[in-house]
Amino acid sequence: MKTLTINLQHMNRLGVTLAIMFLVNLTNAQIIRYQAGDNTSWTGEVEERRAYRAQFSVDLVDWSDPGDVFLPSDRVPLSFPEGEQGFVQLTPDIHLDEFEPRVVLLGDSTMADLSALSIQYHGWGQHFQDFFKPEATFVNLAEAGMGTIQYFARNKTRALEVLQPDFVILQFGHIEHKDGTSTEVFEENLGKIVDEIRSIGAVPLLVTPVAIRLYDAKDNHINELAERRESVIKVANAKHSQYLDLNHRSAEVYARMGIISSAFITVCGNECDDLSHFSRTGAYLMAALLCEELPEILQAYRVPLDELIPTVDAAFDTDRRFSSLSTPFKDLTGFKDEQVWEWLFPEGTVPLP
């Protein structure tokens, strides 16, 4: 047993997120009182590496359905009942020592495994398994041209029913942006997908769409998918689901690097109009950025990023054979090769070799 802090997010009726932090004693399910809008603390113990589910009530009679599984040390959005006070019941679930997570990736070509189509094009989900220990299994069902409308047309729900994953990582928004799908249709479809994933017993993790490498005349990054990002966050909050903000993280990298230095991230650098799809190195970079957003229940199965440095360095050596990537990194960016990790990742994200 170990004392851990649980961070819960409460979205009140004004749309303001309030963090309620508490410590609980959980040998079995325990009912704890909370007050909406107040930071209230309890002291106790939870079992280390044990995940839990939460239910809520205002009268100890009628309880909400159990929420998504989460680790006590994680920050997750939970659905609090209306009113000034109520009760939360946390029930022990899986233990990480006995858990081998099955994860499905669903989305468009920026996420898909493109190895059958090209040796140059890579989706960020294509190499996702490399970031995890063998105990975690990933199945990439992302496809070129798949948005939320195509998800239903291609009957992906049936595939999920067969695979029975524990988590489903969803990235949509690129195809909706390209096709001009209305915000209302996008959000409605995304909400339905979340419901279907939960109906088979899996946890949905919504990913904001990875940014496009687009700049204005002054070398300022243009985030064309900002509105789609807001829609994903809106649906995640409405459904009390976790979201992983890859759009924000990738846009930050593009803004920091500029159009010249970021050329190696996309498949043909600045020599073609494809600013959305990735080189092998770019795919590794985007996957690493997303890994930083994952809930702790999956973080526990990650391979340390410093162990991946030789793999990504080798990928970069391969990528520079193509197009503008044939230029050595130090000439392309003005930085020395050994500074690549400091340049790619925010300070402190990964140790330098």
Protein backbone atom coordinates (compact mmCIF):
# COMPACT_ATOMS: atom_id res chain seq x y z
CA MET A 1 0.00 0.00 0.00
CA LYS A 2 1.20 3.49 -0.80
CA THR A 3 -0.12 7.00 -0.28
CA LEU A 4 -0.88 8.70 -3.61
CA THR A 5 -2.64 11.91 -4.59
CA ILE A 6 -5.66 11.65 -6.87
CA ASN A 7 -6.37 14.63 -9.11
CA LEU A 8 -9.94 14.87 -10.36
CA GLN A 9 -11.24 17.51 -12.75
CA HIS A 10 -14.73 18.90 -12.27
CA MET A 11 -16.42 20.85 -15.06
CA ASN A 12 -18.96 23.09 -13.39
CA ARG A 13 -22.08 24.57 -15.02
CA LEU A 14 -20.14 27.64 -16.10
CA GLY A 15 -17.64 25.49 -17.99
CA VAL A 16 -14.81 26.16 -15.54
CA THR A 17 -12.55 23.23 -14.74
CA LEU A 18 -11.98 22.82 -11.01
CA ALA A 19 -9.37 20.44 -9.65
CA ILE A 20 -10.38 18.45 -6.56
CA MET A 21 -7.38 16.77 -4.98
CA PHE A 22 -7.72 14.10 -2.33
CA LEU A 23 -6.12 11.06 -0.77
CA VAL A 24 -8.28 8.05 -0.04
CA ASN A 25 -8.02 4.78 1.81
CA LEU A 26 -9.08 2.02 -0.57
CA THR A 27 -8.92 -1.60 0.43
CA ASN A 28 -12.39 -2.04 -1.04
CA ALA A 29 -14.81 0.42 -2.62
CA GLN A 30 -15.13 3.45 -0.37
CA ILE A 31 -17.60 6.33 -0.45
CA ILE A 32 -16.16 9.79 0.00
CA ARG A 33 -17.93 13.10 0.23
CA TYR A 34 -16.89 16.00 -1.98
CA GLN A 35 -17.95 19.61 -2.37
CA ALA A 36 -18.17 20.99 -5.91
CA GLY A 37 -16.05 24.08 -6.40
CA ASP A 38 -13.84 23.60 -3.33
CA ASN A 39 -10.36 22.11 -3.14
CA THR A 40 -10.92 19.51 -0.41
CA SER A 41 -8.36 17.02 0.91
CA TRP A 42 -8.58 13.60 2.51
CA THR A 43 -5.73 11.48 3.83
CA GLY A 44 -5.34 7.77 3.31
CA GLU A 45 -3.74 5.06 1.24
CA VAL A 46 -4.32 3.47 -2.15
CA GLU A 47 -2.75 0.37 -3.57
CA GLU A 48 0.26 1.14 -5.74
CA ARG A 49 -0.14 0.28 -9.44
CA ARG A 50 -3.86 -0.42 -8.94
CA ALA A 51 -6.36 1.25 -11.28
CA TYR A 52 -9.85 2.35 -10.18
CA ARG A 53 -13.23 3.38 -11.54
CA ALA A 54 -15.38 6.17 -10.10
CA GLN A 55 -19.13 6.55 -9.59
CA PHE A 56 -21.01 9.57 -8.26
CA SER A 57 -24.19 10.20 -6.32
CA VAL A 58 -25.98 13.03 -4.54
CA ASP A 59 -28.06 10.80 -2.26
CA LEU A 60 -26.13 7.50 -1.90
CA VAL A 61 -29.04 5.76 -3.67
CA ASP A 62 -28.78 6.60 -7.34
CA TRP A 63 -25.25 6.15 -8.71
CA SER A 64 -23.77 7.06 -12.07
CA ASP A 65 -22.35 4.37 -14.35
CA PRO A 66 -18.71 3.50 -13.59
CA GLY A 67 -16.30 5.82 -15.38
CA ASP A 68 -13.21 4.93 -17.40
CA VAL A 69 -10.45 3.09 -15.58
CA PHE A 70 -7.63 5.33 -14.30
CA LEU A 71 -4.62 5.29 -12.01
CA PRO A 72 -4.99 7.28 -8.76
CA SER A 73 -1.98 9.43 -9.63
CA ASP A 74 -3.50 10.42 -12.99
CA ARG A 75 -5.47 13.55 -13.86
CA VAL A 76 -8.71 12.57 -15.54
CA PRO A 77 -12.03 14.32 -16.29
CA LEU A 78 -14.89 12.89 -14.25
CA SER A 79 -18.64 13.55 -14.39
CA PHE A 80 -19.76 15.11 -11.12
CA PRO A 81 -23.51 15.32 -10.40
CA GLU A 82 -25.24 18.70 -10.29
CA GLY A 83 -25.31 20.42 -6.93
CA GLU A 84 -23.02 21.80 -4.27
CA GLN A 85 -22.03 18.47 -2.75
CA GLY A 86 -22.23 14.76 -3.31
CA PHE A 87 -20.46 11.44 -2.97
CA VAL A 88 -17.86 9.57 -5.01
CA GLN A 89 -17.31 5.83 -4.86
CA LEU A 90 -13.98 4.51 -6.10
CA THR A 91 -13.84 0.81 -6.92
CA PRO A 92 -10.55 -1.09 -7.39
CA ASP A 93 -10.03 -2.47 -10.88
CA ILE A 94 -7.02 -3.93 -12.71
CA HIS A 95 -3.53 -4.13 -11.23
CA LEU A 96 -0.68 -3.22 -13.57
CA ASP A 97 1.32 -6.29 -12.54
CA GLU A 98 -1.45 -8.41 -14.07
CA PHE A 99 -2.35 -6.16 -17.00
CA GLU A 100 -1.12 -6.38 -20.60
CA PRO A 101 -2.97 -3.55 -22.37
CA ARG A 102 -4.36 -3.97 -25.88
CA VAL A 103 -4.53 -0.65 -27.71
CA VAL A 104 -6.11 0.15 -31.09
CA LEU A 105 -5.18 3.24 -33.11
CA LEU A 106 -7.89 4.76 -35.32
CA GLY A 107 -7.53 7.77 -37.58
CA ASP A 108 -6.30 9.07 -40.93
CA SER A 109 -3.11 8.72 -43.01
CA THR A 110 -1.01 10.91 -40.70
CA MET A 111 -1.47 8.15 -38.12
CA ALA A 112 -1.66 5.09 -40.41
CA ASP A 113 0.91 2.43 -41.23
CA LEU A 114 1.99 3.46 -44.74
CA SER A 115 4.76 0.89 -45.17
CA ALA A 116 2.83 -0.98 -47.88
CA LEU A 117 2.48 2.21 -49.93
CA SER A 118 5.88 3.87 -49.72
CA ILE A 119 9.30 3.68 -48.10
CA GLN A 120 9.26 7.45 -47.69
CA TYR A 121 5.82 8.04 -46.09
CA HIS A 122 5.28 7.21 -42.44
CA GLY A 123 2.31 7.73 -40.13
CA TRP A 124 3.07 8.55 -36.50
CA GLY A 125 1.21 5.42 -35.41
CA GLN A 126 3.35 3.25 -37.67
CA HIS A 127 6.21 3.03 -35.18
CA PHE A 128 4.18 3.45 -32.00
CA GLN A 129 4.89 -0.08 -30.78
CA ASP A 130 8.61 0.79 -30.66
CA PHE A 131 7.93 3.14 -27.75
CA PHE A 132 6.52 0.39 -25.53
CA LYS A 133 7.55 -2.78 -23.78
CA PRO A 134 6.29 -6.11 -25.20
CA GLU A 135 3.55 -6.31 -22.57
CA ALA A 136 1.61 -3.57 -24.40
CA THR A 137 0.16 -4.50 -27.81
CA PHE A 138 -0.83 -1.97 -30.47
CA VAL A 139 -3.01 -2.56 -33.53
CA ASN A 140 -3.06 0.29 -36.05
CA LEU A 141 -6.42 0.50 -37.86
CA ALA A 142 -5.87 4.04 -39.11
CA GLU A 143 -6.37 4.44 -42.86
CA ALA A 144 -5.77 7.04 -45.53
CA GLY A 145 -8.86 9.19 -46.06
CA MET A 146 -10.63 8.10 -42.87
CA GLY A 147 -12.56 10.74 -40.97
CA THR A 148 -15.51 10.27 -38.66
CA ILE A 149 -17.92 9.78 -41.57
CA GLN A 150 -15.70 7.11 -43.12
CA TYR A 151 -15.32 5.43 -39.71
CA PHE A 152 -18.97 4.41 -39.85
CA ALA A 153 -18.97 3.69 -43.58
CA ARG A 154 -16.01 1.32 -43.16
CA ASN A 155 -17.65 -0.45 -40.19
CA LYS A 156 -14.75 0.05 -37.79
CA THR A 157 -17.04 -0.71 -34.86
CA ARG A 158 -17.15 -4.34 -35.94
CA ALA A 159 -13.35 -4.50 -35.98
CA LEU A 160 -13.26 -3.14 -32.42
CA GLU A 161 -15.81 -5.73 -31.29
CA VAL A 162 -13.56 -8.48 -32.64
CA LEU A 163 -10.32 -7.08 -31.21
CA GLN A 164 -11.77 -6.16 -27.78
CA PRO A 165 -9.11 -3.55 -26.95
CA ASP A 166 -8.61 -1.98 -23.54
CA PHE A 167 -7.91 1.48 -25.03
CA VAL A 168 -8.70 3.11 -28.37
CA ILE A 169 -6.63 6.12 -29.43
CA LEU A 170 -8.61 8.28 -31.88
CA GLN A 171 -7.26 11.01 -34.15
CA PHE A 172 -9.78 12.71 -36.45
CA GLY A 173 -10.01 16.19 -37.93
CA HIS A 174 -7.71 16.18 -40.97
CA ILE A 175 -10.27 14.68 -43.35
CA GLU A 176 -13.05 16.88 -41.96
CA HIS A 177 -10.85 19.92 -42.58
CA LYS A 178 -10.06 18.78 -46.11
CA ASP A 179 -13.67 17.88 -46.99
CA GLY A 180 -15.25 20.88 -45.27
CA THR A 181 -17.32 18.76 -42.89
CA SER A 182 -19.33 21.02 -40.59
CA THR A 183 -18.32 21.42 -36.97
CA GLU A 184 -21.71 20.09 -35.87
CA VAL A 185 -21.41 16.87 -37.90
CA PHE A 186 -17.81 16.33 -36.79
CA GLU A 187 -18.62 16.72 -33.11
CA GLU A 188 -21.77 14.59 -33.33
CA ASN A 189 -19.92 11.77 -35.09
CA LEU A 190 -17.00 11.92 -32.68
CA GLY A 191 -19.37 11.70 -29.72
CA LYS A 192 -21.05 8.62 -31.24
CA ILE A 193 -17.66 6.95 -31.73
CA VAL A 194 -16.78 7.57 -28.07
CA ASP A 195 -20.09 5.96 -27.02
CA GLU A 196 -19.49 2.94 -29.24
CA ILE A 197 -15.98 2.42 -27.87
CA ARG A 198 -17.27 2.50 -24.32
CA SER A 199 -20.09 0.09 -25.23
CA ILE A 200 -17.49 -2.63 -25.93
CA GLY A 201 -15.73 -1.95 -22.62
CA ALA A 202 -12.76 0.04 -23.96
CA VAL A 203 -11.45 3.44 -22.86
CA PRO A 204 -11.47 6.13 -25.60
CA LEU A 205 -8.51 8.52 -25.76
CA LEU A 206 -9.19 11.45 -28.10
CA VAL A 207 -6.19 12.93 -29.91
CA THR A 208 -6.33 16.46 -31.28
CA PRO A 209 -5.24 16.36 -34.96
CA VAL A 210 -1.50 16.63 -35.50
CA ALA A 211 -0.58 20.04 -36.92
CA ILE A 212 0.24 20.75 -40.56
CA ARG A 213 3.73 22.18 -41.28
CA LEU A 214 2.42 25.45 -42.72
CA TYR A 215 3.97 28.92 -42.37
CA ASP A 216 3.20 32.48 -43.43
CA ALA A 217 5.58 34.81 -45.27
CA LYS A 218 7.24 35.81 -41.98
CA ASP A 219 7.95 32.19 -41.00
CA ASN A 220 5.19 32.10 -38.38
CA HIS A 221 3.48 28.74 -38.05
CA ILE A 222 -0.20 28.67 -39.11
CA ASN A 223 -2.31 26.18 -37.20
CA GLU A 224 -4.99 25.40 -39.76
CA LEU A 225 -6.50 22.71 -37.53
CA ALA A 226 -7.03 24.90 -34.47
CA GLU A 227 -10.82 24.78 -34.82
CA ARG A 228 -10.81 20.99 -35.17
CA ARG A 229 -8.64 20.85 -32.05
CA GLU A 230 -11.27 22.83 -30.16
CA SER A 231 -13.99 20.46 -31.36
CA VAL A 232 -12.07 17.41 -30.10
CA ILE A 233 -11.55 19.05 -26.70
CA LYS A 234 -15.23 20.04 -26.56
CA VAL A 235 -16.37 16.47 -27.22
CA ALA A 236 -13.85 15.06 -24.76
CA ASN A 237 -15.10 17.37 -22.02
CA ALA A 238 -18.75 16.63 -22.84
CA LYS A 239 -18.11 12.88 -22.73
CA HIS A 240 -15.77 13.08 -19.72
CA SER A 241 -13.08 11.43 -21.78
CA GLN A 242 -9.36 12.10 -21.75
CA TYR A 243 -7.86 13.98 -24.67
CA LEU A 244 -4.24 14.03 -25.81
CA ASP A 245 -3.26 17.40 -27.24
CA LEU A 246 -0.97 16.40 -30.11
CA ASN A 247 -2.09 19.42 -32.11
CA HIS A 248 -0.74 21.80 -29.49
CA ARG A 249 2.52 19.90 -29.00
CA SER A 250 3.25 19.52 -32.74
CA ALA A 251 2.31 23.16 -33.47
CA GLU A 252 4.74 24.24 -30.74
CA VAL A 253 7.54 22.28 -32.39
CA TYR A 254 6.78 23.76 -35.82
CA ALA A 255 6.62 27.28 -34.38
CA ARG A 256 9.93 26.81 -32.58
CA MET A 257 11.76 25.34 -35.56
CA GLY A 258 10.53 27.43 -38.50
CA ILE A 259 10.04 26.31 -42.09
CA ILE A 260 13.69 25.58 -42.90
CA SER A 261 14.77 23.70 -39.79
CA SER A 262 11.57 21.62 -39.69
CA ALA A 263 11.94 20.41 -43.28
CA PHE A 264 13.08 16.93 -42.28
CA ILE A 265 9.84 16.26 -40.34
CA THR A 266 7.57 16.04 -43.39
CA VAL A 267 8.12 13.56 -46.17
CA CYS A 268 9.64 15.79 -48.83
CA GLY A 269 10.73 18.81 -46.84
CA ASN A 270 10.21 22.06 -48.74
CA GLU A 271 10.42 20.44 -52.18
CA CYS A 272 6.72 19.56 -52.54
CA ASP A 273 3.31 20.73 -51.34
CA ASP A 274 2.76 17.82 -48.92
CA LEU A 275 3.06 19.46 -45.52
CA SER A 276 0.96 16.91 -43.59
CA HIS A 277 2.71 13.54 -43.97
CA PHE A 278 5.87 12.51 -42.22
CA SER A 279 9.31 11.17 -42.90
CA ARG A 280 10.39 8.30 -40.68
CA THR A 281 12.08 10.73 -38.30
CA GLY A 282 9.03 12.98 -38.29
CA ALA A 283 6.78 10.03 -37.45
CA TYR A 284 9.02 9.11 -34.52
CA LEU A 285 8.98 12.71 -33.33
CA MET A 286 5.17 12.97 -33.41
CA ALA A 287 4.78 9.59 -31.71
CA ALA A 288 7.18 10.69 -28.96
CA LEU A 289 5.23 13.92 -28.45
CA LEU A 290 1.98 11.95 -28.11
CA CYS A 291 3.57 9.53 -25.65
CA GLU A 292 4.16 12.48 -23.34
CA GLU A 293 0.37 13.03 -23.29
CA LEU A 294 -0.67 9.45 -22.52
CA PRO A 295 -2.39 8.62 -19.22
CA GLU A 296 -0.14 7.06 -16.62
CA ILE A 297 -1.79 3.67 -16.97
CA LEU A 298 -0.09 3.44 -20.38
CA GLN A 299 3.00 5.46 -19.46
CA ALA A 300 3.91 2.56 -17.16
CA TYR A 301 4.66 0.42 -20.23
CA ARG A 302 6.85 2.90 -22.10
CA VAL A 303 10.41 2.31 -23.19
CA PRO A 304 12.54 5.28 -21.99
CA LEU A 305 13.07 7.74 -24.82
CA ASP A 306 16.83 7.72 -24.34
CA GLU A 307 16.82 4.02 -25.31
CA LEU A 308 15.26 5.00 -28.64
CA ILE A 309 17.95 7.52 -29.55
CA PRO A 310 19.95 5.06 -31.73
CA THR A 311 16.76 4.06 -33.57
CA VAL A 312 15.73 7.63 -34.31
CA ASP A 313 19.28 8.66 -35.22
CA ALA A 314 19.34 5.82 -37.74
CA ALA A 315 15.97 6.93 -39.10
CA PHE A 316 17.29 10.44 -39.62
CA ASP A 317 20.34 9.11 -41.49
CA THR A 318 17.94 7.27 -43.81
CA ASP A 319 15.64 10.25 -44.26
CA ARG A 320 18.32 12.61 -45.47
CA ARG A 321 18.68 10.51 -48.60
CA PHE A 322 15.37 11.85 -49.82
CA SER A 323 14.74 15.28 -51.25
CA SER A 324 15.93 18.16 -49.06
CA LEU A 325 16.62 15.63 -46.32
CA SER A 326 19.79 14.67 -48.19
CA THR A 327 21.31 17.81 -46.63
CA PRO A 328 23.18 16.98 -43.41
CA PHE A 329 21.28 18.01 -40.31
CA LYS A 330 23.84 20.59 -39.21
CA ASP A 331 23.69 22.28 -42.63
CA LEU A 332 19.92 22.08 -42.81
CA THR A 333 19.37 23.68 -39.40
CA GLY A 334 22.59 25.44 -38.53
CA PHE A 335 22.85 23.22 -35.45
CA LYS A 336 25.32 20.48 -34.72
CA ASP A 337 24.13 16.88 -35.05
CA GLU A 338 24.50 16.20 -31.34
CA GLN A 339 21.94 18.94 -30.63
CA VAL A 340 19.15 17.13 -32.48
CA TRP A 341 17.38 15.94 -29.31
CA GLU A 342 17.62 19.31 -27.64
CA TRP A 343 16.12 20.82 -30.79
CA LEU A 344 13.34 18.30 -31.33
CA PHE A 345 12.04 17.95 -27.82
CA PRO A 346 11.17 20.52 -25.18
CA GLU A 347 13.82 20.98 -22.52
CA GLY A 348 13.89 18.06 -20.12
CA THR A 349 11.64 15.78 -22.17
CA VAL A 350 14.41 13.36 -23.07
CA PRO A 351 18.03 13.08 -21.89
CA LEU A 352 20.63 13.94 -24.47
CA PRO A 353 22.94 11.14 -25.69
